[in-house]
Amino acid sequence: ARAEGGELHNIAALTGGMVAQEMIKIITKQYIPIDNTCIFDGIASRS
């Protein structure tokens, strides 16, 4: 609620990198993609 829908660029950049990595796995059908939801906590810096 405090964020009011706003995005922080560093969190967006890190999340975008993770999404792109999983997309490449699925497009190339190589490596093992996640199944099926990845949650990231930028405060504790873990997923």
PDB file of all heavy atoms in Angstrom:
ATOM      1  N   ALA A   1       0.835  -1.205   0.000  1.00  0.00           N
ATOM      2  CA  ALA A   1       0.000   0.000   0.000  1.00  0.00           C
ATOM      3  C   ALA A   1       0.874   1.260   0.000  1.00  0.00           C
ATOM      4  O   ALA A   1       0.559   2.251  -0.670  1.00  0.00           O
ATOM      5  CB  ALA A   1      -0.926  -0.011   1.219  1.00  0.00           C
ATOM      6  N   ARG A   2       1.967   1.228   0.750  1.00  0.00           N
ATOM      7  CA  ARG A   2       2.875   2.376   0.808  1.00  0.00           C
ATOM      8  C   ARG A   2       3.470   2.688  -0.559  1.00  0.00           C
ATOM      9  O   ARG A   2       3.667   3.858  -0.924  1.00  0.00           O
ATOM     10  CB  ARG A   2       4.001   2.088   1.809  1.00  0.00           C
ATOM     11  CG  ARG A   2       4.919   3.262   2.090  1.00  0.00           C
ATOM     12  CD  ARG A   2       6.085   2.840   2.980  1.00  0.00           C
ATOM     13  NE  ARG A   2       6.977   1.924   2.284  1.00  0.00           N
ATOM     14  CZ  ARG A   2       7.935   2.317   1.449  1.00  0.00           C
ATOM     15  NH1 ARG A   2       8.095   3.586   1.168  1.00  0.00           N
ATOM     16  NH2 ARG A   2       8.715   1.424   0.876  1.00  0.00           N
ATOM     17  N   ALA A   3       3.744   1.651  -1.369  1.00  0.00           N
ATOM     18  CA  ALA A   3       4.332   1.850  -2.698  1.00  0.00           C
ATOM     19  C   ALA A   3       3.361   2.494  -3.668  1.00  0.00           C
ATOM     20  O   ALA A   3       3.782   3.133  -4.639  1.00  0.00           O
ATOM     21  CB  ALA A   3       4.813   0.506  -3.256  1.00  0.00           C
ATOM     22  N   GLU A   4       2.049   2.332  -3.431  1.00  0.00           N
ATOM     23  CA  GLU A   4       1.006   2.926  -4.279  1.00  0.00           C
ATOM     24  C   GLU A   4       1.201   2.590  -5.759  1.00  0.00           C
ATOM     25  O   GLU A   4       1.006   3.417  -6.638  1.00  0.00           O
ATOM     26  CB  GLU A   4       0.961   4.437  -4.095  1.00  0.00           C
ATOM     27  CG  GLU A   4       0.539   4.870  -2.696  1.00  0.00           C
ATOM     28  CD  GLU A   4       0.407   6.373  -2.562  1.00  0.00           C
ATOM     29  OE1 GLU A   4       0.922   7.102  -3.448  1.00  0.00           O
ATOM     30  OE2 GLU A   4      -0.220   6.821  -1.593  1.00  0.00           O
ATOM     31  N   GLY A   5       1.640   1.363  -6.024  1.00  0.00           N
ATOM     32  CA  GLY A   5       1.796   0.929  -7.413  1.00  0.00           C
ATOM     33  C   GLY A   5       3.069   1.411  -8.078  1.00  0.00           C
ATOM     34  O   GLY A   5       3.314   1.108  -9.251  1.00  0.00           O
ATOM     35  N   GLY A   6       3.912   2.151  -7.356  1.00  0.00           N
ATOM     36  CA  GLY A   6       5.150   2.652  -7.953  1.00  0.00           C
ATOM     37  C   GLY A   6       6.214   1.581  -8.046  1.00  0.00           C
ATOM     38  O   GLY A   6       6.301   0.698  -7.200  1.00  0.00           O
ATOM     39  N   GLU A   7       7.030   1.662  -9.084  1.00  0.00           N
ATOM     40  CA  GLU A   7       8.110   0.696  -9.294  1.00  0.00           C
ATOM     41  C   GLU A   7       9.463   1.349  -9.039  1.00  0.00           C
ATOM     42  O   GLU A   7       9.719   2.459  -9.500  1.00  0.00           O
ATOM     43  CB  GLU A   7       8.071   0.145 -10.721  1.00  0.00           C
ATOM     44  CG  GLU A   7       6.837  -0.687 -11.025  1.00  0.00           C
ATOM     45  CD  GLU A   7       6.898  -1.327 -12.403  1.00  0.00           C
ATOM     46  OE1 GLU A   7       7.908  -2.010 -12.693  1.00  0.00           O
ATOM     47  OE2 GLU A   7       5.950  -1.151 -13.175  1.00  0.00           O
ATOM     48  N   LEU A   8      10.325   0.664  -8.306  1.00  0.00           N
ATOM     49  CA  LEU A   8      11.704   1.092  -8.129  1.00  0.00           C
ATOM     50  C   LEU A   8      12.546   0.490  -9.244  1.00  0.00           C
ATOM     51  O   LEU A   8      12.446  -0.704  -9.533  1.00  0.00           O
ATOM     52  CB  LEU A   8      12.234   0.624  -6.770  1.00  0.00           C
ATOM     53  CG  LEU A   8      11.512   1.185  -5.537  1.00  0.00           C
ATOM     54  CD1 LEU A   8      12.091   0.576  -4.269  1.00  0.00           C
ATOM     55  CD2 LEU A   8      11.613   2.701  -5.494  1.00  0.00           C
ATOM     56  N   HIS A   9      13.385   1.330  -9.847  1.00  0.00           N
ATOM     57  CA  HIS A   9      14.072   0.837 -11.038  1.00  0.00           C
ATOM     58  C   HIS A   9      15.013  -0.322 -10.749  1.00  0.00           C
ATOM     59  O   HIS A   9      15.118  -1.257 -11.545  1.00  0.00           O
ATOM     60  CB  HIS A   9      14.857   1.961 -11.723  1.00  0.00           C
ATOM     61  CG  HIS A   9      15.395   1.552 -13.051  1.00  0.00           C
ATOM     62  ND1 HIS A   9      16.629   0.968 -13.208  1.00  0.00           N
ATOM     63  CD2 HIS A   9      14.825   1.561 -14.279  1.00  0.00           C
ATOM     64  CE1 HIS A   9      16.816   0.665 -14.475  1.00  0.00           C
ATOM     65  NE2 HIS A   9      15.740   1.023 -15.160  1.00  0.00           N
ATOM     66  N   ASN A  10      15.693  -0.297  -9.599  1.00  0.00           N
ATOM     67  CA  ASN A  10      16.628  -1.404  -9.325  1.00  0.00           C
ATOM     68  C   ASN A  10      15.894  -2.725  -9.131  1.00  0.00           C
ATOM     69  O   ASN A  10      16.348  -3.782  -9.569  1.00  0.00           O
ATOM     70  CB  ASN A  10      17.502  -1.082  -8.107  1.00  0.00           C
ATOM     71  CG  ASN A  10      16.686  -0.792  -6.868  1.00  0.00           C
ATOM     72  OD1 ASN A  10      15.515  -0.447  -6.942  1.00  0.00           O
ATOM     73  ND2 ASN A  10      17.310  -0.922  -5.708  1.00  0.00           N
ATOM     74  N   ILE A  11      14.715  -2.681  -8.489  1.00  0.00           N
ATOM     75  CA  ILE A  11      13.922  -3.912  -8.322  1.00  0.00           C
ATOM     76  C   ILE A  11      13.388  -4.380  -9.673  1.00  0.00           C
ATOM     77  O   ILE A  11      13.399  -5.572  -9.994  1.00  0.00           O
ATOM     78  CB  ILE A  11      12.755  -3.670  -7.344  1.00  0.00           C
ATOM     79  CG1 ILE A  11      13.276  -3.189  -5.982  1.00  0.00           C
ATOM     80  CG2 ILE A  11      11.929  -4.936  -7.184  1.00  0.00           C
ATOM     81  CD1 ILE A  11      14.183  -4.172  -5.272  1.00  0.00           C
ATOM     82  N   ALA A  12      12.928  -3.403 -10.485  1.00  0.00           N
ATOM     83  CA  ALA A  12      12.411  -3.746 -11.815  1.00  0.00           C
ATOM     84  C   ALA A  12      13.499  -4.345 -12.694  1.00  0.00           C
ATOM     85  O   ALA A  12      13.267  -5.307 -13.436  1.00  0.00           O
ATOM     86  CB  ALA A  12      11.819  -2.499 -12.472  1.00  0.00           C
ATOM     87  N   ALA A  13      14.716  -3.788 -12.612  1.00  0.00           N
ATOM     88  CA  ALA A  13      15.813  -4.289 -13.441  1.00  0.00           C
ATOM     89  C   ALA A  13      16.193  -5.713 -13.047  1.00  0.00           C
ATOM     90  O   ALA A  13      16.404  -6.580 -13.907  1.00  0.00           O
ATOM     91  CB  ALA A  13      17.023  -3.359 -13.304  1.00  0.00           C
ATOM     92  N   LEU A  14      16.272  -5.960 -11.731  1.00  0.00           N
ATOM     93  CA  LEU A  14      16.618  -7.306 -11.271  1.00  0.00           C
ATOM     94  C   LEU A  14      15.525  -8.307 -11.654  1.00  0.00           C
ATOM     95  O   LEU A  14      15.815  -9.395 -12.158  1.00  0.00           O
ATOM     96  CB  LEU A  14      16.828  -7.285  -9.764  1.00  0.00           C
ATOM     97  CG  LEU A  14      17.354  -8.579  -9.127  1.00  0.00           C
ATOM     98  CD1 LEU A  14      18.258  -8.265  -7.956  1.00  0.00           C
ATOM     99  CD2 LEU A  14      16.215  -9.483  -8.667  1.00  0.00           C
ATOM    100  N   THR A  15      14.273  -7.930 -11.434  1.00  0.00           N
ATOM    101  CA  THR A  15      13.167  -8.838 -11.779  1.00  0.00           C
ATOM    102  C   THR A  15      13.125  -9.084 -13.272  1.00  0.00           C
ATOM    103  O   THR A  15      12.914 -10.218 -13.724  1.00  0.00           O
ATOM    104  CB  THR A  15      11.826  -8.245 -11.295  1.00  0.00           C
ATOM    105  OG1 THR A  15      11.911  -7.951  -9.899  1.00  0.00           O
ATOM    106  CG2 THR A  15      10.690  -9.220 -11.546  1.00  0.00           C
ATOM    107  N   GLY A  16      13.337  -8.027 -14.071  1.00  0.00           N
ATOM    108  CA  GLY A  16      13.342  -8.193 -15.525  1.00  0.00           C
ATOM    109  C   GLY A  16      14.422  -9.143 -15.986  1.00  0.00           C
ATOM    110  O   GLY A  16      14.224  -9.919 -16.930  1.00  0.00           O
ATOM    111  N   GLY A  17      15.576  -9.116 -15.316  1.00  0.00           N
ATOM    112  CA  GLY A  17      16.636 -10.060 -15.659  1.00  0.00           C
ATOM    113  C   GLY A  17      16.240 -11.486 -15.377  1.00  0.00           C
ATOM    114  O   GLY A  17      16.517 -12.399 -16.174  1.00  0.00           O
ATOM    115  N   MET A  18      15.562 -11.722 -14.239  1.00  0.00           N
ATOM    116  CA  MET A  18      15.120 -13.081 -13.906  1.00  0.00           C
ATOM    117  C   MET A  18      14.068 -13.570 -14.890  1.00  0.00           C
ATOM    118  O   MET A  18      14.096 -14.729 -15.335  1.00  0.00           O
ATOM    119  CB  MET A  18      14.586 -13.120 -12.475  1.00  0.00           C
ATOM    120  CG  MET A  18      15.632 -12.930 -11.398  1.00  0.00           C
ATOM    121  SD  MET A  18      15.037 -13.353  -9.734  1.00  0.00           S
ATOM    122  CE  MET A  18      13.846 -12.049  -9.464  1.00  0.00           C
ATOM    123  N   VAL A  19      13.123 -12.679 -15.241  1.00  0.00           N
ATOM    124  CA  VAL A  19      12.067 -13.079 -16.184  1.00  0.00           C
ATOM    125  C   VAL A  19      12.674 -13.429 -17.539  1.00  0.00           C
ATOM    126  O   VAL A  19      12.319 -14.442 -18.161  1.00  0.00           O
ATOM    127  CB  VAL A  19      11.022 -11.956 -16.339  1.00  0.00           C
ATOM    128  CG1 VAL A  19       9.968 -12.348 -17.374  1.00  0.00           C
ATOM    129  CG2 VAL A  19      10.346 -11.654 -15.005  1.00  0.00           C
ATOM    130  N   ALA A  20      13.593 -12.585 -18.016  1.00  0.00           N
ATOM    131  CA  ALA A  20      14.226 -12.840 -19.312  1.00  0.00           C
ATOM    132  C   ALA A  20      14.966 -14.167 -19.311  1.00  0.00           C
ATOM    133  O   ALA A  20      14.934 -14.925 -20.292  1.00  0.00           O
ATOM    134  CB  ALA A  20      15.178 -11.697 -19.658  1.00  0.00           C
ATOM    135  N   GLN A  21      15.640 -14.476 -18.214  1.00  0.00           N
ATOM    136  CA  GLN A  21      16.360 -15.747 -18.109  1.00  0.00           C
ATOM    137  C   GLN A  21      15.412 -16.927 -18.251  1.00  0.00           C
ATOM    138  O   GLN A  21      15.700 -17.895 -18.975  1.00  0.00           O
ATOM    139  CB  GLN A  21      17.066 -15.810 -16.758  1.00  0.00           C
ATOM    140  CG  GLN A  21      17.724 -17.141 -16.458  1.00  0.00           C
ATOM    141  CD  GLN A  21      18.411 -17.150 -15.109  1.00  0.00           C
ATOM    142  OE1 GLN A  21      19.553 -16.757 -14.996  1.00  0.00           O
ATOM    143  NE2 GLN A  21      17.702 -17.573 -14.081  1.00  0.00           N
ATOM    144  N   GLU A  22      14.267 -16.855 -17.578  1.00  0.00           N
ATOM    145  CA  GLU A  22      13.306 -17.956 -17.667  1.00  0.00           C
ATOM    146  C   GLU A  22      12.672 -18.027 -19.050  1.00  0.00           C
ATOM    147  O   GLU A  22      12.379 -19.113 -19.557  1.00  0.00           O
ATOM    148  CB  GLU A  22      12.226 -17.798 -16.591  1.00  0.00           C
ATOM    149  CG  GLU A  22      12.750 -17.813 -15.162  1.00  0.00           C
ATOM    150  CD  GLU A  22      13.603 -19.032 -14.864  1.00  0.00           C
ATOM    151  OE1 GLU A  22      13.179 -20.153 -15.209  1.00  0.00           O
ATOM    152  OE2 GLU A  22      14.693 -18.874 -14.287  1.00  0.00           O
ATOM    153  N   MET A  23      12.463 -16.872 -19.679  1.00  0.00           N
ATOM    154  CA  MET A  23      11.896 -16.867 -21.036  1.00  0.00           C
ATOM    155  C   MET A  23      12.838 -17.528 -22.020  1.00  0.00           C
ATOM    156  O   MET A  23      12.413 -18.282 -22.916  1.00  0.00           O
ATOM    157  CB  MET A  23      11.596 -15.434 -21.471  1.00  0.00           C
ATOM    158  CG  MET A  23      10.436 -14.785 -20.751  1.00  0.00           C
ATOM    159  SD  MET A  23       9.845 -13.315 -21.594  1.00  0.00           S
ATOM    160  CE  MET A  23       9.029 -14.029 -23.009  1.00  0.00           C
ATOM    161  N   ILE A  24      14.132 -17.265 -21.882  1.00  0.00           N
ATOM    162  CA  ILE A  24      15.114 -17.869 -22.784  1.00  0.00           C
ATOM    163  C   ILE A  24      15.114 -19.387 -22.626  1.00  0.00           C
ATOM    164  O   ILE A  24      15.210 -20.135 -23.609  1.00  0.00           O
ATOM    165  CB  ILE A  24      16.513 -17.273 -22.526  1.00  0.00           C
ATOM    166  CG1 ILE A  24      16.569 -15.826 -23.023  1.00  0.00           C
ATOM    167  CG2 ILE A  24      17.596 -18.111 -23.204  1.00  0.00           C
ATOM    168  CD1 ILE A  24      17.832 -15.092 -22.664  1.00  0.00           C
ATOM    169  N   LYS A  25      14.980 -19.869 -21.390  1.00  0.00           N
ATOM    170  CA  LYS A  25      14.907 -21.312 -21.169  1.00  0.00           C
ATOM    171  C   LYS A  25      13.728 -21.927 -21.919  1.00  0.00           C
ATOM    172  O   LYS A  25      13.840 -23.010 -22.501  1.00  0.00           O
ATOM    173  CB  LYS A  25      14.767 -21.609 -19.677  1.00  0.00           C
ATOM    174  CG  LYS A  25      15.977 -21.266 -18.827  1.00  0.00           C
ATOM    175  CD  LYS A  25      15.676 -21.539 -17.360  1.00  0.00           C
ATOM    176  CE  LYS A  25      16.811 -21.116 -16.445  1.00  0.00           C
ATOM    177  NZ  LYS A  25      16.481 -21.345 -15.016  1.00  0.00           N
ATOM    178  N   ILE A  26      12.596 -21.238 -21.877  1.00  0.00           N
ATOM    179  CA  ILE A  26      11.387 -21.776 -22.499  1.00  0.00           C
ATOM    180  C   ILE A  26      11.438 -21.646 -24.013  1.00  0.00           C
ATOM    181  O   ILE A  26      11.032 -22.560 -24.747  1.00  0.00           O
ATOM    182  CB  ILE A  26      10.149 -21.084 -21.904  1.00  0.00           C
ATOM    183  CG1 ILE A  26       9.949 -21.577 -20.461  1.00  0.00           C
ATOM    184  CG2 ILE A  26       8.907 -21.335 -22.736  1.00  0.00           C
ATOM    185  CD1 ILE A  26       8.893 -20.846 -19.693  1.00  0.00           C
ATOM    186  N   ILE A  27      11.958 -20.540 -24.515  1.00  0.00           N
ATOM    187  CA  ILE A  27      12.041 -20.351 -25.965  1.00  0.00           C
ATOM    188  C   ILE A  27      13.024 -21.349 -26.579  1.00  0.00           C
ATOM    189  O   ILE A  27      12.756 -21.948 -27.626  1.00  0.00           O
ATOM    190  CB  ILE A  27      12.462 -18.903 -26.287  1.00  0.00           C
ATOM    191  CG1 ILE A  27      11.335 -17.931 -25.905  1.00  0.00           C
ATOM    192  CG2 ILE A  27      12.802 -18.752 -27.770  1.00  0.00           C
ATOM    193  CD1 ILE A  27      11.752 -16.476 -25.950  1.00  0.00           C
ATOM    194  N   THR A  28      14.171 -21.531 -25.939  1.00  0.00           N
ATOM    195  CA  THR A  28      15.181 -22.446 -26.472  1.00  0.00           C
ATOM    196  C   THR A  28      14.917 -23.901 -26.091  1.00  0.00           C
ATOM    197  O   THR A  28      15.538 -24.806 -26.639  1.00  0.00           O
ATOM    198  CB  THR A  28      16.589 -22.064 -25.971  1.00  0.00           C
ATOM    199  OG1 THR A  28      16.623 -22.182 -24.536  1.00  0.00           O
ATOM    200  CG2 THR A  28      16.947 -20.642 -26.369  1.00  0.00           C
ATOM    201  N   LYS A  29      14.016 -24.115 -25.113  1.00  0.00           N
ATOM    202  CA  LYS A  29      13.742 -25.445 -24.572  1.00  0.00           C
ATOM    203  C   LYS A  29      15.032 -26.089 -24.058  1.00  0.00           C
ATOM    204  O   LYS A  29      15.329 -27.259 -24.310  1.00  0.00           O
ATOM    205  CB  LYS A  29      13.062 -26.335 -25.611  1.00  0.00           C
ATOM    206  CG  LYS A  29      11.665 -25.862 -25.986  1.00  0.00           C
ATOM    207  CD  LYS A  29      10.947 -26.829 -26.889  1.00  0.00           C
ATOM    208  CE  LYS A  29       9.513 -26.352 -27.157  1.00  0.00           C
ATOM    209  NZ  LYS A  29       8.774 -27.266 -28.034  1.00  0.00           N
ATOM    210  N   GLN A  30      15.780 -25.286 -23.317  1.00  0.00           N
ATOM    211  CA  GLN A  30      17.012 -25.754 -22.693  1.00  0.00           C
ATOM    212  C   GLN A  30      17.041 -25.295 -21.241  1.00  0.00           C
ATOM    213  O   GLN A  30      16.425 -24.295 -20.887  1.00  0.00           O
ATOM    214  CB  GLN A  30      18.235 -25.210 -23.426  1.00  0.00           C
ATOM    215  CG  GLN A  30      18.375 -25.688 -24.866  1.00  0.00           C
ATOM    216  CD  GLN A  30      19.665 -25.203 -25.493  1.00  0.00           C
ATOM    217  OE1 GLN A  30      20.696 -25.070 -24.838  1.00  0.00           O
ATOM    218  NE2 GLN A  30      19.621 -24.931 -26.795  1.00  0.00           N
ATOM    219  N   TYR A  31      17.781 -26.033 -20.413  1.00  0.00           N
ATOM    220  CA  TYR A  31      17.838 -25.795 -18.972  1.00  0.00           C
ATOM    221  C   TYR A  31      16.441 -26.006 -18.377  1.00  0.00           C
ATOM    222  O   TYR A  31      15.504 -26.378 -19.077  1.00  0.00           O
ATOM    223  CB  TYR A  31      18.394 -24.403 -18.654  1.00  0.00           C
ATOM    224  CG  TYR A  31      19.801 -24.189 -19.168  1.00  0.00           C
ATOM    225  CD1 TYR A  31      20.028 -23.587 -20.410  1.00  0.00           C
ATOM    226  CD2 TYR A  31      20.901 -24.602 -18.434  1.00  0.00           C
ATOM    227  CE1 TYR A  31      21.314 -23.406 -20.900  1.00  0.00           C
ATOM    228  CE2 TYR A  31      22.191 -24.414 -18.908  1.00  0.00           C
ATOM    229  CZ  TYR A  31      22.388 -23.819 -20.143  1.00  0.00           C
ATOM    230  OH  TYR A  31      23.657 -23.648 -20.630  1.00  0.00           O
ATOM    231  N   ILE A  32      16.290 -25.801 -17.077  1.00  0.00           N
ATOM    232  CA  ILE A  32      15.020 -26.094 -16.411  1.00  0.00           C
ATOM    233  C   ILE A  32      14.403 -24.798 -15.903  1.00  0.00           C
ATOM    234  O   ILE A  32      14.964 -24.163 -14.991  1.00  0.00           O
ATOM    235  CB  ILE A  32      15.223 -27.074 -15.236  1.00  0.00           C
ATOM    236  CG1 ILE A  32      15.854 -28.371 -15.740  1.00  0.00           C
ATOM    237  CG2 ILE A  32      13.894 -27.365 -14.545  1.00  0.00           C
ATOM    238  CD1 ILE A  32      16.189 -29.362 -14.642  1.00  0.00           C
ATOM    239  N   PRO A  33      13.271 -24.385 -16.461  1.00  0.00           N
ATOM    240  CA  PRO A  33      12.621 -23.160 -15.979  1.00  0.00           C
ATOM    241  C   PRO A  33      11.946 -23.381 -14.635  1.00  0.00           C
ATOM    242  O   PRO A  33      11.721 -24.518 -14.220  1.00  0.00           O
ATOM    243  CB  PRO A  33      11.586 -22.861 -17.075  1.00  0.00           C
ATOM    244  CG  PRO A  33      11.275 -24.200 -17.666  1.00  0.00           C
ATOM    245  CD  PRO A  33      12.547 -25.001 -17.579  1.00  0.00           C
ATOM    246  N   ILE A  34      11.618 -22.294 -13.953  1.00  0.00           N
ATOM    247  CA  ILE A  34      10.939 -22.419 -12.668  1.00  0.00           C
ATOM    248  C   ILE A  34       9.518 -22.926 -12.883  1.00  0.00           C
ATOM    249  O   ILE A  34       8.947 -22.794 -13.956  1.00  0.00           O
ATOM    250  CB  ILE A  34      10.899 -21.081 -11.907  1.00  0.00           C
ATOM    251  CG1 ILE A  34       9.993 -20.085 -12.649  1.00  0.00           C
ATOM    252  CG2 ILE A  34      12.272 -20.511 -11.708  1.00  0.00           C
ATOM    253  CD1 ILE A  34       9.515 -18.956 -11.780  1.00  0.00           C
ATOM    254  N   ASP A  35       8.939 -23.489 -11.856  1.00  0.00           N
ATOM    255  CA  ASP A  35       7.576 -24.012 -11.910  1.00  0.00           C
ATOM    256  C   ASP A  35       6.850 -23.571 -10.631  1.00  0.00           C
ATOM    257  O   ASP A  35       6.979 -24.194  -9.607  1.00  0.00           O
ATOM    258  CB  ASP A  35       7.630 -25.536 -12.010  1.00  0.00           C
ATOM    259  CG  ASP A  35       6.271 -26.183 -12.196  1.00  0.00           C
ATOM    260  OD1 ASP A  35       5.302 -25.456 -12.497  1.00  0.00           O
ATOM    261  OD2 ASP A  35       6.174 -27.408 -12.025  1.00  0.00           O
ATOM    262  N   ASN A  36       6.064 -22.504 -10.663  1.00  0.00           N
ATOM    263  CA  ASN A  36       5.732 -21.609 -11.737  1.00  0.00           C
ATOM    264  C   ASN A  36       5.743 -20.148 -11.337  1.00  0.00           C
ATOM    265  O   ASN A  36       5.562 -19.260 -12.139  1.00  0.00           O
ATOM    266  CB  ASN A  36       4.351 -21.956 -12.290  1.00  0.00           C
ATOM    267  CG  ASN A  36       3.278 -21.888 -11.197  1.00  0.00           C
ATOM    268  OD1 ASN A  36       3.467 -21.361 -10.096  1.00  0.00           O
ATOM    269  ND2 ASN A  36       2.132 -22.441 -11.475  1.00  0.00           N
ATOM    270  N   THR A  37       5.939 -19.859 -10.013  1.00  0.00           N
ATOM    271  CA  THR A  37       5.921 -18.489  -9.497  1.00  0.00           C
ATOM    272  C   THR A  37       7.203 -18.205  -8.717  1.00  0.00           C
ATOM    273  O   THR A  37       7.616 -19.001  -7.885  1.00  0.00           O
ATOM    274  CB  THR A  37       4.699 -18.274  -8.574  1.00  0.00           C
ATOM    275  OG1 THR A  37       3.508 -18.575  -9.299  1.00  0.00           O
ATOM    276  CG2 THR A  37       4.641 -16.844  -8.067  1.00  0.00           C
ATOM    277  N   CYS A  38       7.818 -17.055  -9.015  1.00  0.00           N
ATOM    278  CA  CYS A  38       9.012 -16.616  -8.300  1.00  0.00           C
ATOM    279  C   CYS A  38       8.706 -15.287  -7.613  1.00  0.00           C
ATOM    280  O   CYS A  38       8.290 -14.329  -8.269  1.00  0.00           O
ATOM    281  CB  CYS A  38      10.186 -16.459  -9.260  1.00  0.00           C
ATOM    282  SG  CYS A  38      11.713 -15.892  -8.461  1.00  0.00           S
ATOM    283  N   ILE A  39       8.899 -15.247  -6.309  1.00  0.00           N
ATOM    284  CA  ILE A  39       8.620 -14.051  -5.507  1.00  0.00           C
ATOM    285  C   ILE A  39       9.949 -13.462  -5.061  1.00  0.00           C
ATOM    286  O   ILE A  39      10.843 -14.189  -4.610  1.00  0.00           O
ATOM    287  CB  ILE A  39       7.766 -14.409  -4.276  1.00  0.00           C
ATOM    288  CG1 ILE A  39       6.530 -15.206  -4.703  1.00  0.00           C
ATOM    289  CG2 ILE A  39       7.342 -13.158  -3.510  1.00  0.00           C
ATOM    290  CD1 ILE A  39       5.852 -15.951  -3.559  1.00  0.00           C
ATOM    291  N   PHE A  40      10.073 -12.137  -5.163  1.00  0.00           N
ATOM    292  CA  PHE A  40      11.325 -11.479  -4.757  1.00  0.00           C
ATOM    293  C   PHE A  40      11.057 -10.435  -3.677  1.00  0.00           C
ATOM    294  O   PHE A  40      10.143  -9.617  -3.799  1.00  0.00           O
ATOM    295  CB  PHE A  40      11.996 -10.803  -5.949  1.00  0.00           C
ATOM    296  CG  PHE A  40      13.261 -10.070  -5.584  1.00  0.00           C
ATOM    297  CD1 PHE A  40      14.394 -10.775  -5.218  1.00  0.00           C
ATOM    298  CD2 PHE A  40      13.316  -8.686  -5.590  1.00  0.00           C
ATOM    299  CE1 PHE A  40      15.566 -10.114  -4.854  1.00  0.00           C
ATOM    300  CE2 PHE A  40      14.470  -8.018  -5.236  1.00  0.00           C
ATOM    301  CZ  PHE A  40      15.601  -8.729  -4.873  1.00  0.00           C
ATOM    302  N   ASP A  41      11.861 -10.494  -2.643  1.00  0.00           N
ATOM    303  CA  ASP A  41      11.796  -9.541  -1.543  1.00  0.00           C
ATOM    304  C   ASP A  41      13.042  -8.678  -1.598  1.00  0.00           C
ATOM    305  O   ASP A  41      14.142  -9.120  -1.260  1.00  0.00           O
ATOM    306  CB  ASP A  41      11.723 -10.300  -0.203  1.00  0.00           C
ATOM    307  CG  ASP A  41      11.688  -9.374   1.000  1.00  0.00           C
ATOM    308  OD1 ASP A  41      11.715  -8.146   0.805  1.00  0.00           O
ATOM    309  OD2 ASP A  41      11.625  -9.877   2.143  1.00  0.00           O
ATOM    310  N   GLY A  42      12.888  -7.420  -2.052  1.00  0.00           N
ATOM    311  CA  GLY A  42      14.023  -6.536  -2.186  1.00  0.00           C
ATOM    312  C   GLY A  42      14.546  -6.019  -0.865  1.00  0.00           C
ATOM    313  O   GLY A  42      15.672  -5.521  -0.803  1.00  0.00           O
ATOM    314  N   ILE A  43      13.764  -6.150   0.199  1.00  0.00           N
ATOM    315  CA  ILE A  43      14.210  -5.700   1.514  1.00  0.00           C
ATOM    316  C   ILE A  43      15.208  -6.708   2.097  1.00  0.00           C
ATOM    317  O   ILE A  43      16.282  -6.350   2.581  1.00  0.00           O
ATOM    318  CB  ILE A  43      13.011  -5.511   2.463  1.00  0.00           C
ATOM    319  CG1 ILE A  43      12.077  -4.421   1.911  1.00  0.00           C
ATOM    320  CG2 ILE A  43      13.478  -5.157   3.861  1.00  0.00           C
ATOM    321  CD1 ILE A  43      10.788  -4.256   2.687  1.00  0.00           C
ATOM    322  N   ALA A  44      14.831  -7.989   2.020  1.00  0.00           N
ATOM    323  CA  ALA A  44      15.720  -9.047   2.519  1.00  0.00           C
ATOM    324  C   ALA A  44      16.672  -9.547   1.433  1.00  0.00           C
ATOM    325  O   ALA A  44      17.561 -10.346   1.705  1.00  0.00           O
ATOM    326  CB  ALA A  44      14.893 -10.221   3.050  1.00  0.00           C
ATOM    327  N   SER A  45      16.453  -9.092   0.191  1.00  0.00           N
ATOM    328  CA  SER A  45      17.278  -9.487  -0.954  1.00  0.00           C
ATOM    329  C   SER A  45      17.329 -11.006  -1.118  1.00  0.00           C
ATOM    330  O   SER A  45      18.404 -11.606  -1.167  1.00  0.00           O
ATOM    331  CB  SER A  45      18.698  -8.929  -0.819  1.00  0.00           C
ATOM    332  OG  SER A  45      19.418  -9.103  -2.035  1.00  0.00           O
ATOM    333  N   ARG A  46      16.157 -11.621  -1.235  1.00  0.00           N
ATOM    334  CA  ARG A  46      16.106 -13.056  -1.503  1.00  0.00           C
ATOM    335  C   ARG A  46      14.835 -13.383  -2.266  1.00  0.00           C
ATOM    336  O   ARG A  46      13.893 -12.573  -2.333  1.00  0.00           O
ATOM    337  CB  ARG A  46      16.178 -13.873  -0.210  1.00  0.00           C
ATOM    338  CG  ARG A  46      15.027 -13.716   0.742  1.00  0.00           C
ATOM    339  CD  ARG A  46      15.291 -14.464   2.051  1.00  0.00           C
ATOM    340  NE  ARG A  46      14.159 -14.405   2.962  1.00  0.00           N
ATOM    341  CZ  ARG A  46      13.168 -15.287   2.969  1.00  0.00           C
ATOM    342  NH1 ARG A  46      13.180 -16.302   2.118  1.00  0.00           N
ATOM    343  NH2 ARG A  46      12.165 -15.171   3.823  1.00  0.00           N
ATOM    344  N   SER A  47      14.822 -14.559  -2.860  1.00  0.00           N
ATOM    345  CA  SER A  47      13.681 -14.975  -3.680  1.00  0.00           C
ATOM    346  C   SER A  47      13.229 -16.366  -3.267  1.00  0.00           C
ATOM    347  O   SER A  47      13.962 -17.099  -2.589  1.00  0.00           O
ATOM    348  CB  SER A  47      14.046 -14.959  -5.167  1.00  0.00           C
ATOM    349  OG  SER A  47      15.113 -15.854  -5.420  1.00  0.00           O
TER     350      SER A  47
END
